[in-house]
Amino acid sequence: MINEFKFFFTPKEEYQRRYGICKSCERFNDLTKQCKECNCFMPMKCKISNLPCPLGYWDIVDSTSETDNLETL
């Protein structure tokens, strides 16, 4: 079953890049870790490859890229 989710999650480096962008954004609520634009819980949203930033700071990740990010959930 884990193989079914292999391409669902972003690679670790992409997750760190995305979350870093979020933490520096003025629309990020540091207390709740939510985006004030989309109200998503960003530590989880940044891990999902097909969810873009509503402000366009990062886009979806190609679903064919390799990922080994399951251990960080």
Protein backbone atom coordinates (compact mmCIF):
# COMPACT_ATOMS: atom_id res chain seq x y z
CA MET A 1 0.00 0.00 0.00
CA ILE A 2 2.87 2.41 0.68
CA ASN A 3 3.91 2.17 -2.98
CA GLU A 4 0.51 3.61 -3.94
CA PHE A 5 1.45 6.82 -2.12
CA LYS A 6 5.04 7.00 -3.41
CA PHE A 7 4.34 9.93 -5.73
CA PHE A 8 1.77 11.61 -3.49
CA PHE A 9 4.37 13.27 -1.25
CA THR A 10 6.99 15.86 -2.18
CA PRO A 11 10.68 15.02 -1.86
CA LYS A 12 12.19 16.12 1.45
CA GLU A 13 14.16 18.99 -0.14
CA GLU A 14 11.03 20.34 -1.86
CA TYR A 15 9.07 20.10 1.40
CA GLN A 16 11.76 22.10 3.21
CA ARG A 17 11.82 24.70 0.44
CA ARG A 18 8.02 25.07 0.46
CA TYR A 19 7.71 25.27 4.22
CA GLY A 20 10.55 27.79 4.39
CA ILE A 21 8.66 29.99 1.94
CA CYS A 22 5.51 29.67 4.04
CA LYS A 23 7.27 30.55 7.29
CA SER A 24 8.64 33.74 5.74
CA CYS A 25 5.29 34.76 4.20
CA GLU A 26 3.22 37.51 5.82
CA ARG A 27 0.10 35.34 5.38
CA PHE A 28 1.54 32.54 7.59
CA ASN A 29 0.13 32.21 11.12
CA ASP A 30 3.07 30.96 13.19
CA LEU A 31 0.87 30.02 16.15
CA THR A 32 -1.43 27.64 14.24
CA LYS A 33 0.96 26.91 11.31
CA GLN A 34 -1.86 27.86 8.94
CA CYS A 35 -1.96 29.97 5.80
CA LYS A 36 -4.29 32.94 6.22
CA GLU A 37 -5.03 32.81 2.48
CA CYS A 38 -6.24 29.20 2.16
CA ASN A 39 -6.53 28.23 5.87
CA CYS A 40 -4.52 25.05 5.28
CA PHE A 41 -2.28 23.45 7.91
CA MET A 42 0.99 24.10 6.14
CA PRO A 43 3.22 21.35 7.58
CA MET A 44 0.87 18.89 5.86
CA LYS A 45 0.04 20.86 2.72
CA CYS A 46 3.73 21.33 1.90
CA LYS A 47 4.16 17.55 1.86
CA ILE A 48 1.45 16.92 -0.75
CA SER A 49 2.88 17.16 -4.26
CA ASN A 50 -0.25 18.24 -6.14
CA LEU A 51 -1.26 21.19 -3.90
CA PRO A 52 0.07 24.59 -5.02
CA CYS A 53 0.47 27.77 -2.98
CA PRO A 54 -2.63 29.96 -3.46
CA LEU A 55 -0.35 32.99 -3.82
CA GLY A 56 1.83 31.32 -6.46
CA TYR A 57 5.01 31.05 -4.38
CA TRP A 58 5.32 27.34 -5.26
CA ASP A 59 3.55 25.06 -7.70
CA ILE A 60 2.74 21.36 -7.91
CA VAL A 61 5.56 18.81 -8.11
CA ASP A 62 5.75 16.46 -11.07
CA SER A 63 4.11 13.23 -9.89
CA THR A 64 6.79 11.17 -11.60
CA SER A 65 9.61 12.49 -9.39
CA GLU A 66 11.00 10.08 -6.82
CA THR A 67 10.20 10.67 -3.16
CA ASP A 68 11.13 9.12 0.13
CA ASN A 69 9.30 11.51 2.43
CA LEU A 70 6.93 9.06 4.14
CA GLU A 71 9.13 8.71 7.21
CA THR A 72 8.55 12.35 8.20
CA LEU A 73 4.77 12.06 8.58
